[in-house]
Structure formats: structure tokens, C-alpha cells
Protein backbone atom coordinates (compact mmCIF):
# COMPACT_ATOMS: atom_id res chain seq x y z
CA MET A 1 7.86 -0.47 -23.39
CA LYS A 2 4.91 1.88 -22.90
CA ALA A 3 4.44 3.76 -19.64
CA VAL A 4 2.39 6.70 -18.34
CA ARG A 5 4.41 9.88 -17.84
CA PHE A 6 3.80 13.52 -17.03
CA HIS A 7 6.45 16.21 -17.36
CA GLY A 8 4.92 18.88 -15.13
CA TYR A 9 2.01 19.47 -12.78
CA GLY A 10 -1.38 20.04 -14.37
CA GLY A 11 -4.73 18.59 -15.35
CA ILE A 12 -5.53 15.32 -17.09
CA GLY A 13 -4.05 16.68 -20.32
CA VAL A 14 -0.47 16.39 -18.98
CA LEU A 15 -0.72 12.59 -18.92
CA ARG A 16 1.07 10.85 -21.79
CA VAL A 17 1.77 7.25 -22.75
CA GLU A 18 5.39 7.20 -23.87
CA GLU A 19 7.98 4.70 -25.02
CA VAL A 20 10.56 4.29 -22.26
CA GLU A 21 13.39 1.90 -21.60
CA ARG A 22 12.33 -1.41 -20.08
CA PRO A 23 13.64 -1.60 -16.50
CA VAL A 24 16.05 -4.27 -15.27
CA PRO A 25 15.41 -5.95 -11.89
CA GLY A 26 17.98 -5.66 -9.12
CA PRO A 27 19.21 -8.61 -7.05
CA ALA A 28 16.10 -8.99 -4.85
CA GLN A 29 13.58 -7.77 -7.39
CA ALA A 30 11.27 -9.11 -10.07
CA LEU A 31 10.31 -7.65 -13.42
CA VAL A 32 6.55 -8.04 -13.71
CA GLU A 33 4.61 -7.87 -16.96
CA VAL A 34 1.59 -5.89 -15.81
CA ARG A 35 -1.89 -7.31 -16.48
CA ALA A 36 -3.80 -4.78 -14.34
CA ALA A 37 -3.03 -1.65 -12.31
CA GLY A 38 -5.56 0.34 -10.32
CA ILE A 39 -5.76 4.14 -10.32
CA GLN A 40 -6.27 6.26 -7.21
CA PRO A 41 -7.81 9.64 -6.32
CA GLY A 42 -4.56 10.58 -4.55
CA GLU A 43 -2.71 10.31 -7.86
CA THR A 44 -4.82 13.11 -9.30
CA HIS A 45 -3.75 15.40 -6.45
CA ILE A 46 -0.09 14.47 -6.86
CA ARG A 47 -0.30 15.14 -10.61
CA SER A 48 -2.02 18.50 -10.10
CA GLY A 49 0.61 19.62 -7.58
CA ASP A 50 -1.91 19.94 -4.76
CA LEU A 51 0.20 17.57 -2.66
CA HIS A 52 3.61 18.94 -3.63
CA GLU A 53 4.54 19.74 -0.04
CA ARG A 54 3.55 16.26 1.15
CA TRP A 55 4.51 14.11 -1.87
CA PRO A 56 6.56 16.09 -4.42
CA ALA A 57 7.02 14.74 -7.93
CA ALA A 58 10.32 14.53 -9.82
CA PHE A 59 9.89 15.00 -13.57
CA PRO A 60 9.34 13.18 -15.77
CA SER A 61 7.13 11.32 -13.32
CA GLY A 62 5.43 7.99 -13.65
CA GLN A 63 2.29 6.89 -11.84
CA GLY A 64 0.83 3.93 -10.07
CA SER A 65 1.27 1.75 -6.98
CA ASP A 66 -1.12 -1.18 -7.46
CA LEU A 67 -0.23 -3.98 -9.85
CA ALA A 68 -0.84 -7.57 -10.82
CA GLY A 69 0.91 -9.57 -13.50
CA VAL A 70 3.40 -12.27 -14.39
CA ILE A 71 7.07 -12.37 -13.41
CA VAL A 72 9.20 -12.35 -16.58
CA GLU A 73 12.66 -11.72 -15.08
CA ALA A 74 14.10 -12.41 -11.63
CA GLY A 75 17.05 -10.94 -9.79
CA ALA A 76 19.74 -13.34 -8.61
CA GLU A 77 18.71 -12.94 -4.95
CA MET A 78 14.93 -12.88 -5.39
CA ARG A 79 13.24 -15.16 -2.88
CA GLY A 80 9.85 -16.86 -2.81
CA PHE A 81 9.00 -16.45 -6.49
CA ALA A 82 10.14 -17.58 -9.92
CA VAL A 83 9.79 -16.55 -13.54
CA GLY A 84 6.26 -17.39 -14.70
CA ASP A 85 4.60 -16.86 -11.32
CA GLU A 86 1.37 -14.89 -11.26
CA VAL A 87 1.54 -12.19 -8.58
CA LEU A 88 -0.02 -9.05 -7.19
CA GLY A 89 1.75 -6.39 -5.24
CA PHE A 90 2.83 -2.78 -5.08
CA THR A 91 5.59 -0.33 -5.81
CA HIS A 92 6.40 2.97 -4.08
CA ARG A 93 8.24 4.24 -7.18
CA ARG A 94 5.14 5.56 -9.02
CA ALA A 95 5.71 3.09 -11.80
CA SER A 96 2.92 0.51 -12.16
CA HIS A 97 0.99 2.31 -14.93
CA ALA A 98 3.20 0.66 -17.51
CA GLU A 99 3.64 -2.56 -19.45
CA PHE A 100 6.46 -3.71 -17.16
CA VAL A 101 7.47 -2.73 -13.63
CA VAL A 102 10.29 -3.68 -11.27
CA VAL A 103 9.03 -4.77 -7.83
CA ASP A 104 10.88 -5.72 -4.64
CA ASP A 105 10.23 -9.37 -3.80
CA VAL A 106 8.96 -8.42 -0.32
CA ASN A 107 6.18 -6.39 -1.96
CA LEU A 108 4.71 -9.33 -3.88
CA VAL A 109 2.23 -12.06 -3.03
CA ALA A 110 1.08 -15.01 -5.13
CA ARG A 111 -2.18 -14.45 -6.98
CA PRO A 112 -4.74 -16.79 -5.39
CA LYS A 113 -6.47 -19.16 -7.76
CA GLY A 114 -9.65 -17.61 -9.13
CA LEU A 115 -8.84 -14.00 -8.22
CA PRO A 116 -9.57 -11.91 -11.35
CA TRP A 117 -6.71 -9.84 -12.74
CA ASP A 118 -8.60 -6.55 -12.46
CA VAL A 119 -9.34 -7.22 -8.78
CA ALA A 120 -5.78 -8.35 -8.05
CA GLY A 121 -4.34 -5.26 -9.74
CA SER A 122 -6.48 -2.80 -7.83
CA LEU A 123 -6.43 -4.25 -4.33
CA TYR A 124 -3.32 -2.81 -2.69
CA VAL A 125 -4.03 0.90 -2.07
CA ALA A 126 -7.79 0.66 -1.55
CA GLY A 127 -7.56 -2.58 0.39
CA THR A 128 -4.75 -1.67 2.78
CA THR A 129 -6.27 1.79 3.31
CA ALA A 130 -9.64 0.28 4.21
CA TYR A 131 -7.91 -2.26 6.46
CA ALA A 132 -6.00 0.49 8.31
CA MET A 133 -9.07 2.70 8.69
CA VAL A 134 -11.13 -0.10 10.20
CA PHE A 135 -8.26 -1.07 12.49
CA ALA A 136 -7.96 2.57 13.63
CA VAL A 137 -11.55 2.81 14.89
CA ASP A 138 -11.57 -0.78 16.24
CA PRO A 139 -15.22 -1.75 15.67
CA ALA A 140 -16.68 -4.52 17.81
CA PRO A 141 -19.99 -6.37 17.93
CA GLY A 142 -22.63 -3.96 19.14
CA ASP A 143 -20.86 -0.87 17.77
CA THR A 144 -22.40 1.35 15.12
CA VAL A 145 -19.92 2.65 12.54
CA VAL A 146 -20.58 5.29 9.87
CA VAL A 147 -18.57 5.23 6.63
CA SER A 148 -18.56 8.23 4.27
CA GLY A 149 -18.03 7.54 0.58
CA ALA A 150 -19.29 4.05 1.33
CA ALA A 151 -19.54 2.91 -2.29
CA GLY A 152 -16.16 4.22 -3.45
CA GLY A 153 -12.96 2.28 -3.93
CA VAL A 154 -11.93 2.45 -0.25
CA GLY A 155 -15.36 2.83 1.30
CA SER A 156 -16.82 -0.26 -0.39
CA LEU A 157 -14.09 -2.37 1.23
CA ALA A 158 -14.20 -0.58 4.60
CA VAL A 159 -17.92 -1.27 5.05
CA GLN A 160 -17.34 -4.98 4.42
CA LEU A 161 -14.34 -5.20 6.75
CA ALA A 162 -16.25 -3.39 9.50
CA ARG A 163 -19.17 -5.79 9.05
CA ARG A 164 -16.75 -8.70 9.40
CA ARG A 165 -15.86 -7.32 12.84
CA GLY A 166 -19.53 -7.65 13.84
CA ALA A 167 -20.43 -3.95 13.79
CA THR A 168 -23.59 -2.35 12.52
CA VAL A 169 -22.48 -0.23 9.55
CA ILE A 170 -24.17 2.85 8.12
CA GLY A 171 -22.95 3.81 4.67
CA LEU A 172 -23.22 7.34 3.27
CA ALA A 173 -23.69 7.09 -0.49
CA SER A 174 -25.79 8.30 -3.40
CA GLU A 175 -29.14 6.64 -4.04
CA PRO A 176 -27.99 4.44 -6.98
CA ASN A 177 -25.54 2.69 -4.63
CA HIS A 178 -28.01 1.95 -1.85
CA ALA A 179 -29.05 -1.44 -3.24
CA TRP A 180 -25.42 -2.67 -3.27
CA LEU A 181 -24.93 -1.51 0.33
CA LYS A 182 -28.07 -3.32 1.47
CA GLU A 183 -26.89 -6.50 -0.27
CA HIS A 184 -23.74 -6.33 1.88
CA GLY A 185 -25.55 -5.84 5.18
CA VAL A 186 -24.97 -2.07 5.31
CA ILE A 187 -27.64 0.49 6.20
CA PRO A 188 -27.60 3.08 3.38
CA VAL A 189 -28.07 6.77 4.12
CA ALA A 190 -28.07 9.57 1.55
CA TYR A 191 -25.38 12.20 1.99
CA GLY A 192 -25.97 15.95 1.72
CA GLU A 193 -28.12 18.36 3.67
CA GLY A 194 -29.83 16.68 6.62
CA ALA A 195 -27.37 13.77 6.72
CA ALA A 196 -26.78 14.18 10.46
CA GLU A 197 -30.43 13.64 11.29
CA ARG A 198 -30.74 10.72 8.85
CA ILE A 199 -27.71 9.08 10.49
CA ARG A 200 -29.18 9.55 13.96
CA GLN A 201 -32.41 7.91 12.85
CA ALA A 202 -30.59 4.99 11.22
CA ALA A 203 -28.34 4.56 14.27
CA ASP A 204 -31.15 4.87 16.75
CA GLY A 205 -29.33 7.88 18.20
CA ASN A 206 -25.96 6.26 18.91
CA VAL A 207 -22.83 6.33 16.70
CA ASP A 208 -19.65 4.78 18.10
CA ALA A 209 -17.13 5.29 15.29
CA PHE A 210 -16.75 7.17 12.02
CA ILE A 211 -14.62 6.26 8.98
CA ASP A 212 -14.22 9.21 6.61
CA THR A 213 -13.00 8.42 3.10
CA PHE A 214 -14.41 11.60 1.54
CA GLY A 215 -13.48 14.70 3.56
CA ASN A 216 -15.65 17.78 3.11
CA GLY A 217 -16.69 18.25 6.73
CA TYR A 218 -17.27 14.68 7.87
CA VAL A 219 -14.82 14.88 10.76
CA ARG A 220 -16.85 17.76 12.17
CA LEU A 221 -20.05 15.84 11.50
CA ALA A 222 -18.70 12.88 13.48
CA ILE A 223 -17.98 15.16 16.44
CA GLU A 224 -21.50 16.58 16.12
CA LEU A 225 -22.83 13.02 16.29
CA GLY A 226 -21.00 12.49 19.58
CA VAL A 227 -18.22 10.22 18.32
CA ARG A 228 -15.05 10.37 20.44
CA PRO A 229 -12.09 11.78 18.43
CA GLU A 230 -9.98 8.64 18.92
CA ARG A 231 -12.68 6.66 17.11
CA ILE A 232 -12.78 8.97 14.09
CA ASN A 233 -10.43 8.21 11.20
CA THR A 234 -10.06 10.25 8.01
CA ILE A 235 -7.86 9.97 4.92
CA ARG A 236 -8.94 13.31 3.50
CA ASP A 237 -9.41 16.00 6.14
CA TRP A 238 -6.03 16.10 7.90
CA GLN A 239 -6.52 19.64 9.18
CA ALA A 240 -9.81 18.88 10.92
CA ALA A 241 -8.30 15.70 12.34
CA ALA A 242 -5.42 17.66 13.83
CA GLU A 243 -7.79 20.22 15.32
CA VAL A 244 -10.04 17.69 17.08
CA GLY A 245 -7.56 14.88 17.74
CA ALA A 246 -8.97 12.37 15.23
CA ARG A 247 -6.85 9.70 13.58
CA THR A 248 -5.45 9.68 10.04
CA TYR A 249 -4.48 6.06 9.46
CA GLY A 250 -4.32 5.26 5.76
CA GLU A 251 -2.62 2.93 3.31
CA GLY A 252 0.82 3.54 4.82
CA ALA A 253 -0.29 2.12 8.17
CA ALA A 254 -0.95 -1.30 6.62
CA ALA A 255 1.41 -1.17 3.63
CA CYS A 256 2.76 -4.68 3.61
CA ALA A 257 2.47 -7.92 1.68
CA VAL A 258 1.02 -9.73 4.72
CA VAL A 259 -2.09 -7.54 4.77
CA LEU A 260 -2.36 -7.60 0.97
CA GLY A 261 -2.17 -11.39 0.96
CA GLU A 262 -4.91 -11.64 3.59
CA LEU A 263 -7.19 -9.36 1.56
CA ALA A 264 -6.44 -11.26 -1.66
CA ARG A 265 -7.39 -14.57 -0.05
CA LEU A 266 -10.64 -13.11 1.28
CA ALA A 267 -11.47 -11.78 -2.18
CA ALA A 268 -10.60 -15.08 -3.89
CA ARG A 269 -12.90 -16.96 -1.49
CA GLY A 270 -15.76 -14.54 -2.17
CA GLU A 271 -15.67 -13.16 1.38
CA LEU A 272 -14.67 -9.66 0.24
CA GLU A 273 -16.12 -8.12 -2.90
CA VAL A 274 -13.88 -5.65 -4.73
CA PRO A 275 -16.24 -3.77 -7.08
CA ILE A 276 -14.72 -2.87 -10.44
CA ALA A 277 -16.34 0.17 -12.02
CA ARG A 278 -14.53 -0.09 -15.36
CA THR A 279 -11.29 -1.12 -17.02
CA TYR A 280 -9.33 0.89 -19.61
CA PRO A 281 -6.38 0.08 -21.87
CA LEU A 282 -3.19 1.92 -20.97
CA ASP A 283 -3.42 4.32 -23.90
CA GLN A 284 -6.78 5.56 -22.59
CA VAL A 285 -5.31 6.69 -19.27
CA GLN A 286 -6.74 10.19 -19.70
CA ASP A 287 -10.25 8.77 -20.10
CA ALA A 288 -9.74 6.62 -17.00
CA TYR A 289 -8.83 9.63 -14.86
CA ARG A 290 -11.60 11.69 -16.41
CA GLU A 291 -14.11 9.14 -15.15
CA LEU A 292 -12.40 8.96 -11.75
CA GLU A 293 -12.43 12.73 -11.31
CA ARG A 294 -16.13 13.00 -12.08
CA GLY A 295 -16.65 11.27 -8.73
CA HIS A 296 -19.45 9.00 -7.52
CA THR A 297 -17.73 5.94 -8.99
CA HIS A 298 -18.80 2.63 -7.46
CA GLY A 299 -15.60 0.66 -6.96
CA LYS A 300 -12.25 0.71 -8.72
CA ILE A 301 -11.13 1.95 -12.13
CA VAL A 302 -8.35 -0.18 -13.56
CA LEU A 303 -5.76 0.15 -16.34
CA CYS A 304 -5.04 -3.05 -18.26
CA PRO A 305 -1.82 -2.74 -20.27
């Protein structure tokens, strides 16, 4: 089978699509033929070695957590699923950017009727991260919440989940994404110089919580806006969070099939939009990451083996 591999830390050029041995499922596992697998900004930092101390790679390394596909083999003790079932789920083995992947049965959920493959295959990391971030700041009706990177893979879901909690949501994003934010009941604000004053004007002077998906000083900006540290959550600026006492809930805080299933059902019913920026075939994995690393992408980039 074909799978993405890299044999040492480096830039996009270290990524290869190689022929590897097809895996065999264990007793409580399924072998899934992958139809779609999302890519993540964090994977670029793992591949570059920037996160070696936090998440070291063993070479040759695969990539990918998100996945959706069809079960083609089942372990003798697999429960809840059968060969032929359409599923979405996740793996912690950096292995979903491939034609086939072995997945523990507890990490799978049935694909709801009508949920597109590209959405199903890109929902886990972005969705559970957004879910955890919103949970961390606990928005309520009457609260005003600011979300940085509001049109990105995580931010676009976080703004919708915060709105579902009844909060007023201000989304920091570039001008081309403002129309989408308005369509989803979010107040768009341009990022960059003067953002603090623009946020104050949009919030009528009061900001209750801040969800930071981007880093680059937004934790400090939240403090400047008067947000209490326990209602600031970041997935990028861990150092600033430690210094001020902000939270750092991310995907790991909601990494379970129960949350994924809830998000999948919302998306299938049209109550949660998962924007898809673009899909790429597996052998164009370098092009996919090139687009991701340019930044300012609205929604998810997905590999479709």
C-alpha cells in the first residue's frame, strides 16, 4: 500500500509517498481503507523537529490522525462494527495519511448518513480541539467571546460552537473571510495593528473570554482587554499561558469517540459547518502542506487516498 513517510526532520521536501507493507489489525482493531484524512498545522511542526521535545518522531515516521473510510478487515474481538461499515475516527500512531490504517475499535464512530467523506475525514483534530477550547472558557448567554484565527480549521468550528452556547462571538480574520463569519452570526474584526481597539468597539468595551488558535501575542492581548486568565485558552502560546495562568486545553482534552460522534451528528444535520478549503490526492501531499503552510486557509485541507 502507499503511505506518507519522512526519514528525518526537515521541510516539505522530506515528505515521500512510499510503498509499505499493509498493516494487519489486532484483536480489537479494524483495518480501514481510507477515503479521506485531514492534515494539521501541528504536523508541520512535528515534521520540522520544532516539537521534538514535546512530541519526538521515530524514523521512518508516518503522519496523520484524522481518518474516514470503510472497514475491510476486523480483528476477532472488535466490537460495534463489521466489515463494510463506513466509519470516521482517529489514530495516535501517526498513520492515517495512507491507503489503509489500523484503528482501535474504541476510536471509531459510524459515519452518519449524508456526512461527506472529506468532512468526516477531517473532523477529529479540529473538531475535538475546538470543542475543548470552547469548554475551557465556558461561554454562556450574554458573554462576549473573541476567537483568533476564526476562519481556520479550528477557529471556524470554535466560533460556531461558542455561538451554540448563546455567546456573542467576535472573530479575528482577514477581510476575505468576513462574509463567511457574518453568515454564521459572528462579528468579524480584522487582525493586525489596532486590533485591540477594533475588538473593544465591536464588544462595546467588554470581553469575557478569549479563544486563541493562532498564537503570536493573543494571550497578552486578551489580558490587555481585561479577560481573566482562567477564561483565556490557547493552543499555540504555551509560554504566555504559563506566565499569566491561562488555559491550554486542546484536542487531547476531548480526544474520544463520544465527542467525535456528537460533532459528526451536528455536521450531518447541517448544524455545524466544516469548511473544506481543498482536497488533494495522496501523492500530492507536498502540495497539500505547501498550501497549509502559506497560512490564511479557510477551513480544512484534506488528503483523499
